[in-house]
C-alpha atoms as a PDB file:
ATOM      1  CA  MET A   1      -1.633   0.987  16.945  1.00  0.00           C
ATOM      2  CA  SER A   2      -1.591   4.105  14.745  1.00  0.00           C
ATOM      3  CA  ASN A   3       0.576   6.028  17.214  1.00  0.00           C
ATOM      4  CA  ARG A   4       3.235   3.301  16.972  1.00  0.00           C
ATOM      5  CA  TRP A   5       3.074   2.625  13.245  1.00  0.00           C
ATOM      6  CA  ASP A   6       6.055   4.802  12.428  1.00  0.00           C
ATOM      7  CA  GLU A   7       8.146   2.680  14.795  1.00  0.00           C
ATOM      8  CA  ILE A   8       7.219  -0.325  12.668  1.00  0.00           C
ATOM      9  CA  VAL A   9       8.036   1.410   9.394  1.00  0.00           C
ATOM     10  CA  ASN A  10      11.121   3.486  10.311  1.00  0.00           C
ATOM     11  CA  TRP A  11      10.862   6.226   7.689  1.00  0.00           C
ATOM     12  CA  ASP A  12      14.582   6.746   7.106  1.00  0.00           C
ATOM     13  CA  VAL A  13      15.396   3.063   6.599  1.00  0.00           C
ATOM     14  CA  ARG A  14      12.321   2.470   4.471  1.00  0.00           C
ATOM     15  CA  LYS A  15      13.121   5.412   2.214  1.00  0.00           C
ATOM     16  CA  GLU A  16      16.655   4.091   1.757  1.00  0.00           C
ATOM     17  CA  SER A  17      15.425   0.560   0.997  1.00  0.00           C
ATOM     18  CA  GLU A  18      12.955   1.799  -1.639  1.00  0.00           C
ATOM     19  CA  ASP A  19      15.770   3.747  -3.315  1.00  0.00           C
ATOM     20  CA  GLY A  20      13.416   6.036  -5.242  1.00  0.00           C
ATOM     21  CA  PHE A  21      11.413   3.164  -6.757  1.00  0.00           C
ATOM     22  CA  PHE A  22       7.982   4.788  -6.563  1.00  0.00           C
ATOM     23  CA  GLU A  23       9.164   8.247  -7.613  1.00  0.00           C
ATOM     24  CA  ASN A  24      10.930   6.775 -10.646  1.00  0.00           C
ATOM     25  CA  LEU A  25       7.942   4.590 -11.520  1.00  0.00           C
ATOM     26  CA  LEU A  26       5.546   7.528 -11.435  1.00  0.00           C
ATOM     27  CA  ARG A  27       7.865   9.656 -13.548  1.00  0.00           C
ATOM     28  CA  GLU A  28       8.144   6.814 -16.071  1.00  0.00           C
ATOM     29  CA  TYR A  29       4.382   7.121 -16.623  1.00  0.00           C
ATOM     30  CA  GLY A  30       4.420  10.929 -16.704  1.00  0.00           C
ATOM     31  CA  VAL A  31       2.458  11.218 -13.467  1.00  0.00           C
ATOM     32  CA  CYS A  32       1.795  14.617 -11.886  1.00  0.00           C
ATOM     33  CA  ASP A  33      -1.314  14.161  -9.716  1.00  0.00           C
ATOM     34  CA  VAL A  34      -1.381  11.317  -7.182  1.00  0.00           C
ATOM     35  CA  LEU A  35      -3.987   9.985  -4.771  1.00  0.00           C
ATOM     36  CA  ASP A  36      -2.626   7.952  -1.872  1.00  0.00           C
ATOM     37  CA  MET A  37      -5.822   6.107  -0.958  1.00  0.00           C
ATOM     38  CA  ALA A  38      -4.327   4.327   2.073  1.00  0.00           C
ATOM     39  CA  CYS A  39      -1.981   6.980   3.385  1.00  0.00           C
ATOM     40  CA  GLY A  40      -1.588   5.543   6.882  1.00  0.00           C
ATOM     41  CA  THR A  41       0.754   7.902   8.734  1.00  0.00           C
ATOM     42  CA  GLY A  42       1.649   9.710   5.516  1.00  0.00           C
ATOM     43  CA  PHE A  43       5.004   8.194   4.588  1.00  0.00           C
ATOM     44  CA  HIS A  44       4.524   7.929   0.820  1.00  0.00           C
ATOM     45  CA  ALA A  45       2.235  10.938   0.455  1.00  0.00           C
ATOM     46  CA  ILE A  46       4.753  13.197   2.178  1.00  0.00           C
ATOM     47  CA  HIS A  47       7.807  11.862   0.367  1.00  0.00           C
ATOM     48  CA  LEU A  48       6.115  12.075  -3.029  1.00  0.00           C
ATOM     49  CA  ALA A  49       5.036  15.644  -2.297  1.00  0.00           C
ATOM     50  CA  GLN A  50       8.632  16.457  -1.379  1.00  0.00           C
ATOM     51  CA  GLU A  51       9.648  15.037  -4.763  1.00  0.00           C
ATOM     52  CA  GLY A  52       7.378  17.488  -6.567  1.00  0.00           C
ATOM     53  CA  PHE A  53       4.213  15.438  -7.157  1.00  0.00           C
ATOM     54  CA  ASN A  54       0.773  16.905  -6.456  1.00  0.00           C
ATOM     55  CA  VAL A  55      -0.477  14.526  -3.778  1.00  0.00           C
ATOM     56  CA  ASP A  56      -3.828  14.071  -2.060  1.00  0.00           C
ATOM     57  CA  ALA A  57      -3.886  11.748   0.940  1.00  0.00           C
ATOM     58  CA  ALA A  58      -6.845   9.669   2.081  1.00  0.00           C
ATOM     59  CA  ASP A  59      -7.497   6.938   4.611  1.00  0.00           C
ATOM     60  CA  GLY A  60     -10.445   5.306   6.309  1.00  0.00           C
ATOM     61  CA  SER A  61      -8.981   5.644   9.806  1.00  0.00           C
ATOM     62  CA  ASP A  62      -9.334   8.860  11.783  1.00  0.00           C
ATOM     63  CA  ALA A  63      -6.374   7.836  13.934  1.00  0.00           C
ATOM     64  CA  MET A  64      -4.130   7.322  10.908  1.00  0.00           C
ATOM     65  CA  LEU A  65      -5.260  10.625   9.397  1.00  0.00           C
ATOM     66  CA  ALA A  66      -4.323  12.386  12.629  1.00  0.00           C
ATOM     67  CA  GLU A  67      -0.819  10.916  12.298  1.00  0.00           C
ATOM     68  CA  THR A  68      -0.647  12.084   8.674  1.00  0.00           C
ATOM     69  CA  TYR A  69      -1.608  15.627   9.687  1.00  0.00           C
ATOM     70  CA  ALA A  70       1.078  15.617  12.378  1.00  0.00           C
ATOM     71  CA  ASN A  71       3.752  14.220  10.064  1.00  0.00           C
ATOM     72  CA  ALA A  72       2.883  16.644   7.261  1.00  0.00           C
ATOM     73  CA  GLU A  73       3.273  19.541   9.687  1.00  0.00           C
ATOM     74  CA  LYS A  74       6.531  18.088  11.016  1.00  0.00           C
ATOM     75  CA  HIS A  75       7.954  17.844   7.493  1.00  0.00           C
ATOM     76  CA  ASP A  76       6.466  21.200   6.413  1.00  0.00           C
ATOM     77  CA  VAL A  77       4.486  19.603   3.588  1.00  0.00           C
ATOM     78  CA  ASP A  78       1.125  20.945   2.428  1.00  0.00           C
ATOM     79  CA  LEU A  79      -1.246  18.056   1.701  1.00  0.00           C
ATOM     80  CA  THR A  80      -4.952  17.741   1.035  1.00  0.00           C
ATOM     81  CA  ILE A  81      -5.920  15.100   3.585  1.00  0.00           C
ATOM     82  CA  GLN A  82      -9.359  13.531   3.869  1.00  0.00           C
ATOM     83  CA  LYS A  83     -11.253  10.527   5.096  1.00  0.00           C
ATOM     84  CA  ALA A  84     -12.483   8.167   2.383  1.00  0.00           C
ATOM     85  CA  ASP A  85     -14.255   4.825   2.249  1.00  0.00           C
ATOM     86  CA  TRP A  86     -12.767   2.669  -0.507  1.00  0.00           C
ATOM     87  CA  LEU A  87     -16.126   1.113  -1.357  1.00  0.00           C
ATOM     88  CA  SER A  88     -17.540   4.556  -2.131  1.00  0.00           C
ATOM     89  CA  LEU A  89     -14.358   6.381  -3.078  1.00  0.00           C
ATOM     90  CA  THR A  90     -16.097   8.544  -5.670  1.00  0.00           C
ATOM     91  CA  HIS A  91     -18.414   9.923  -2.964  1.00  0.00           C
ATOM     92  CA  SER A  92     -15.390  11.588  -1.347  1.00  0.00           C
ATOM     93  CA  ILE A  93     -13.038  12.049  -4.301  1.00  0.00           C
ATOM     94  CA  HIS A  94     -14.346  14.367  -7.005  1.00  0.00           C
ATOM     95  CA  LYS A  95     -11.371  14.640  -9.344  1.00  0.00           C
ATOM     96  CA  GLN A  96      -9.243  12.339 -11.461  1.00  0.00           C
ATOM     97  CA  TYR A  97      -5.586  11.479 -11.010  1.00  0.00           C
ATOM     98  CA  ASP A  98      -2.649  10.276 -13.056  1.00  0.00           C
ATOM     99  CA  ALA A  99      -1.959   7.646 -10.390  1.00  0.00           C
ATOM    100  CA  VAL A 100      -3.617   6.082  -7.384  1.00  0.00           C
ATOM    101  CA  ILE A 101      -1.373   4.265  -4.919  1.00  0.00           C
ATOM    102  CA  CYS A 102      -2.445   1.720  -2.313  1.00  0.00           C
ATOM    103  CA  LEU A 103       0.680   0.619  -0.463  1.00  0.00           C
ATOM    104  CA  GLY A 104       1.740  -1.046   2.767  1.00  0.00           C
ATOM    105  CA  ASN A 105      -0.271  -4.235   2.170  1.00  0.00           C
ATOM    106  CA  ALA A 106      -3.358  -2.102   2.763  1.00  0.00           C
ATOM    107  CA  LEU A 107      -5.721  -3.622   0.190  1.00  0.00           C
ATOM    108  CA  THR A 108      -5.591  -6.976   1.967  1.00  0.00           C
ATOM    109  CA  HIS A 109      -7.685  -5.514   4.770  1.00  0.00           C
ATOM    110  CA  LEU A 110     -10.496  -6.535   2.404  1.00  0.00           C
ATOM    111  CA  PHE A 111     -11.758 -10.111   2.547  1.00  0.00           C
ATOM    112  CA  GLU A 112     -14.639 -10.595   0.120  1.00  0.00           C
ATOM    113  CA  LYS A 113     -14.272 -10.759  -3.663  1.00  0.00           C
ATOM    114  CA  GLU A 114     -17.122  -8.289  -4.098  1.00  0.00           C
ATOM    115  CA  PHE A 115     -15.312  -5.747  -1.906  1.00  0.00           C
ATOM    116  CA  TYR A 116     -12.100  -6.077  -3.907  1.00  0.00           C
ATOM    117  CA  LEU A 117     -13.955  -5.603  -7.181  1.00  0.00           C
ATOM    118  CA  LYS A 118     -15.996  -2.675  -5.857  1.00  0.00           C
ATOM    119  CA  THR A 119     -12.872  -0.951  -4.525  1.00  0.00           C
ATOM    120  CA  ILE A 120     -10.819  -1.502  -7.677  1.00  0.00           C
ATOM    121  CA  ARG A 121     -13.671  -0.252  -9.861  1.00  0.00           C
ATOM    122  CA  GLU A 122     -13.895   2.871  -7.703  1.00  0.00           C
ATOM    123  CA  VAL A 123     -10.165   3.391  -8.229  1.00  0.00           C
ATOM    124  CA  PHE A 124     -10.678   2.975 -11.987  1.00  0.00           C
ATOM    125  CA  LYS A 125     -13.234   5.796 -11.937  1.00  0.00           C
ATOM    126  CA  VAL A 126     -10.922   8.310 -10.248  1.00  0.00           C
ATOM    127  CA  LEU A 127      -8.073   7.677 -12.695  1.00  0.00           C
ATOM    128  CA  LYS A 128      -7.522   9.640 -15.883  1.00  0.00           C
ATOM    129  CA  LYS A 129      -7.230   7.681 -19.117  1.00  0.00           C
ATOM    130  CA  GLY A 130      -3.725   6.234 -19.184  1.00  0.00           C
ATOM    131  CA  GLY A 131      -3.459   6.571 -15.416  1.00  0.00           C
ATOM    132  CA  ILE A 132      -2.015   3.843 -13.216  1.00  0.00           C
ATOM    133  CA  PHE A 133      -3.029   2.004 -10.072  1.00  0.00           C
ATOM    134  CA  VAL A 134      -0.041   0.949  -7.960  1.00  0.00           C
ATOM    135  CA  VAL A 135      -0.923  -1.667  -5.362  1.00  0.00           C
ATOM    136  CA  ASP A 136       1.226  -3.917  -3.226  1.00  0.00           C
ATOM    137  CA  GLN A 137       0.808  -6.881  -0.923  1.00  0.00           C
ATOM    138  CA  ARG A 138       2.842  -9.252   1.139  1.00  0.00           C
ATOM    139  CA  ASN A 139       4.012 -12.262  -0.845  1.00  0.00           C
ATOM    140  CA  TYR A 140       1.127 -14.402   0.353  1.00  0.00           C
ATOM    141  CA  ASP A 141       1.908 -17.096  -2.221  1.00  0.00           C
ATOM    142  CA  ARG A 142       5.146 -17.759  -0.377  1.00  0.00           C
ATOM    143  CA  ILE A 143       3.541 -17.494   3.056  1.00  0.00           C
ATOM    144  CA  LEU A 144       0.754 -19.940   2.157  1.00  0.00           C
ATOM    145  CA  ASP A 145       2.956 -22.420   0.289  1.00  0.00           C
ATOM    146  CA  LYS A 146       6.217 -22.281   2.217  1.00  0.00           C
ATOM    147  CA  GLY A 147       5.517 -20.576   5.528  1.00  0.00           C
ATOM    148  CA  TYR A 148       6.364 -17.118   6.802  1.00  0.00           C
ATOM    149  CA  SER A 149       9.805 -15.585   6.535  1.00  0.00           C
ATOM    150  CA  SER A 150      11.084 -12.040   6.147  1.00  0.00           C
ATOM    151  CA  LYS A 151      14.361 -10.471   5.092  1.00  0.00           C
ATOM    152  CA  HIS A 152      13.385  -7.445   7.203  1.00  0.00           C
ATOM    153  CA  GLN A 153      14.772  -5.146   4.518  1.00  0.00           C
ATOM    154  CA  TYR A 154      11.658  -3.561   3.068  1.00  0.00           C
ATOM    155  CA  TYR A 155       8.474  -1.857   4.252  1.00  0.00           C
ATOM    156  CA  TYR A 156       8.535  -2.680   7.976  1.00  0.00           C
ATOM    157  CA  CYS A 157      12.064  -1.631   8.811  1.00  0.00           C
ATOM    158  CA  GLY A 158      11.823  -0.756  12.502  1.00  0.00           C
ATOM    159  CA  ASN A 159      14.129  -2.767  14.746  1.00  0.00           C
ATOM    160  CA  GLN A 160      12.078  -2.426  17.925  1.00  0.00           C
ATOM    161  CA  VAL A 161       9.207  -4.638  16.809  1.00  0.00           C
ATOM    162  CA  GLU A 162       8.875  -8.323  15.967  1.00  0.00           C
ATOM    163  CA  ILE A 163       6.247  -9.272  13.376  1.00  0.00           C
ATOM    164  CA  GLN A 164       4.976 -12.842  13.111  1.00  0.00           C
ATOM    165  CA  PRO A 165       1.777 -14.539  11.940  1.00  0.00           C
ATOM    166  CA  VAL A 166       0.059 -16.191  14.890  1.00  0.00           C
ATOM    167  CA  GLU A 167      -2.763 -17.698  12.838  1.00  0.00           C
ATOM    168  CA  LEU A 168      -2.737 -18.627   9.166  1.00  0.00           C
ATOM    169  CA  HIS A 169      -5.402 -20.118   6.903  1.00  0.00           C
ATOM    170  CA  ASP A 170      -6.129 -19.894   3.181  1.00  0.00           C
ATOM    171  CA  THR A 171      -8.606 -17.094   3.846  1.00  0.00           C
ATOM    172  CA  MET A 172      -7.110 -15.326   6.874  1.00  0.00           C
ATOM    173  CA  VAL A 173      -3.788 -14.448   8.459  1.00  0.00           C
ATOM    174  CA  GLN A 174      -3.394 -12.708  11.787  1.00  0.00           C
ATOM    175  CA  PHE A 175      -0.121 -10.869  12.360  1.00  0.00           C
ATOM    176  CA  GLN A 176       1.199 -10.069  15.805  1.00  0.00           C
ATOM    177  CA  TYR A 177       3.278  -6.923  16.286  1.00  0.00           C
ATOM    178  CA  LYS A 178       5.343  -7.290  19.443  1.00  0.00           C
ATOM    179  CA  PHE A 179       7.311  -4.280  20.647  1.00  0.00           C
ATOM    180  CA  SER A 180      10.468  -4.377  22.754  1.00  0.00           C
ATOM    181  CA  GLU A 181       8.583  -3.666  25.998  1.00  0.00           C
ATOM    182  CA  ASN A 182       6.347  -6.690  25.233  1.00  0.00           C
ATOM    183  CA  GLU A 183       3.402  -4.580  24.106  1.00  0.00           C
ATOM    184  CA  LYS A 184       1.430  -6.536  21.487  1.00  0.00           C
ATOM    185  CA  TYR A 185      -1.019  -5.641  18.729  1.00  0.00           C
ATOM    186  CA  HIS A 186      -2.762  -7.810  16.141  1.00  0.00           C
ATOM    187  CA  LEU A 187      -3.943  -7.214  12.577  1.00  0.00           C
ATOM    188  CA  THR A 188      -6.064  -9.655  10.595  1.00  0.00           C
ATOM    189  CA  MET A 189      -5.549  -9.663   6.831  1.00  0.00           C
ATOM    190  CA  HIS A 190      -6.675 -11.595   3.760  1.00  0.00           C
ATOM    191  CA  PRO A 191      -3.796 -13.611   2.224  1.00  0.00           C
ATOM    192  CA  ILE A 192      -4.805 -13.028  -1.381  1.00  0.00           C
ATOM    193  CA  ARG A 193      -2.657 -14.710  -3.998  1.00  0.00           C
ATOM    194  CA  GLN A 194      -0.969 -12.520  -6.568  1.00  0.00           C
ATOM    195  CA  GLN A 195      -2.761 -13.971  -9.599  1.00  0.00           C
ATOM    196  CA  VAL A 196      -6.139 -13.606  -7.908  1.00  0.00           C
ATOM    197  CA  LEU A 197      -5.539  -9.894  -7.440  1.00  0.00           C
ATOM    198  CA  THR A 198      -4.279  -9.651 -11.032  1.00  0.00           C
ATOM    199  CA  GLY A 199      -7.559 -11.235 -12.131  1.00  0.00           C
ATOM    200  CA  TYR A 200      -9.565  -8.680 -10.165  1.00  0.00           C
ATOM    201  CA  LEU A 201      -7.602  -5.851 -11.776  1.00  0.00           C
ATOM    202  CA  LYS A 202      -8.296  -7.203 -15.266  1.00  0.00           C
ATOM    203  CA  LYS A 203     -11.963  -7.831 -14.497  1.00  0.00           C
ATOM    204  CA  SER A 204     -12.270  -4.214 -13.349  1.00  0.00           C
ATOM    205  CA  GLY A 205     -10.980  -2.877 -16.667  1.00  0.00           C
ATOM    206  CA  PHE A 206      -7.247  -2.518 -16.065  1.00  0.00           C
ATOM    207  CA  SER A 207      -4.627  -3.713 -18.537  1.00  0.00           C
ATOM    208  CA  ASN A 208      -0.877  -3.552 -19.205  1.00  0.00           C
ATOM    209  CA  ILE A 209      -0.222  -5.022 -15.778  1.00  0.00           C
ATOM    210  CA  ARG A 210       3.376  -5.156 -14.576  1.00  0.00           C
ATOM    211  CA  THR A 211       4.588  -6.978 -11.486  1.00  0.00           C
ATOM    212  CA  PHE A 212       7.592  -6.304  -9.268  1.00  0.00           C
ATOM    213  CA  GLY A 213       9.026  -8.329  -6.399  1.00  0.00           C
ATOM    214  CA  ASP A 214      10.842  -6.244  -3.780  1.00  0.00           C
ATOM    215  CA  PHE A 215      11.175  -3.486  -6.412  1.00  0.00           C
ATOM    216  CA  GLN A 216      12.652  -5.786  -9.093  1.00  0.00           C
ATOM    217  CA  GLU A 217      10.723  -6.585 -12.288  1.00  0.00           C
ATOM    218  CA  ARG A 218      12.487  -9.926 -12.735  1.00  0.00           C
ATOM    219  CA  PHE A 219      12.154 -12.142  -9.677  1.00  0.00           C
ATOM    220  CA  ASP A 220      11.584 -15.667  -8.422  1.00  0.00           C
ATOM    221  CA  PRO A 221       7.918 -15.889  -7.325  1.00  0.00           C
ATOM    222  CA  TYR A 222       8.820 -17.179  -3.865  1.00  0.00           C
ATOM    223  CA  GLU A 223      11.784 -14.859  -3.246  1.00  0.00           C
ATOM    224  CA  PRO A 224      10.396 -11.377  -2.462  1.00  0.00           C
ATOM    225  CA  ASP A 225       8.743 -10.298   0.762  1.00  0.00           C
ATOM    226  CA  PHE A 226       6.401  -7.946  -1.102  1.00  0.00           C
ATOM    227  CA  VAL A 227       4.825  -7.915  -4.557  1.00  0.00           C
ATOM    228  CA  ILE A 228       3.839  -4.702  -6.359  1.00  0.00           C
ATOM    229  CA  GLN A 229       1.423  -4.569  -9.295  1.00  0.00           C
ATOM    230  CA  VAL A 230       1.087  -1.623 -11.663  1.00  0.00           C
ATOM    231  CA  ALA A 231      -2.138  -1.609 -13.681  1.00  0.00           C
ATOM    232  CA  GLN A 232      -3.115   0.933 -16.326  1.00  0.00           C
ATOM    233  CA  LYS A 233      -6.442   2.435 -17.304  1.00  0.00           C
ATOM    234  CA  ALA A 234      -6.065   2.234 -21.071  1.00  0.00           C
END
């Protein structure tokens, strides 16, 4: 599905919907050097580089990395791009950053508590003191408690694809991505609750955790489609 991911995202609409949120957040913390540990097709890595940040892009998927290379060339952006396994991030990443970002609901590809903790602790190691980890997820609290709904305003902004969960349990959700020509793909994710992830961040050494819902710091817990957490290495 990597060659169709940009149809799901729609770069122009997504950039407009974010309205500079991540750039402004990083500047608030004085960030210069950024690692995008789940770069996907390169959307955030490329846009942040265009905004003047020093960005390295990593992903565990060769297919996604190929899309990042192509998009970086298309946008005339020079990126360091490499393959990296989250569970052994420090084996591939040998420098420290002011910020590590993990966006697009990517972290919920993990299922086991031990894998979350191992990954987050690896992130902690590649951050400078005072650095931040920015991680997002679908609002699984709302999905689990009230069922799936989407305002279709953020993140997945393409209008040629329909996204719906076709299977949902406390420990697993499978999303179907159906394109206009009836081509279908499926992704299986872990519907981790927000406070569980917050607990993992704290247990891994992070503090000063802030939470945003659809880019707003004040929000009703069941209102946003996506939740973003910002955790600091004190």
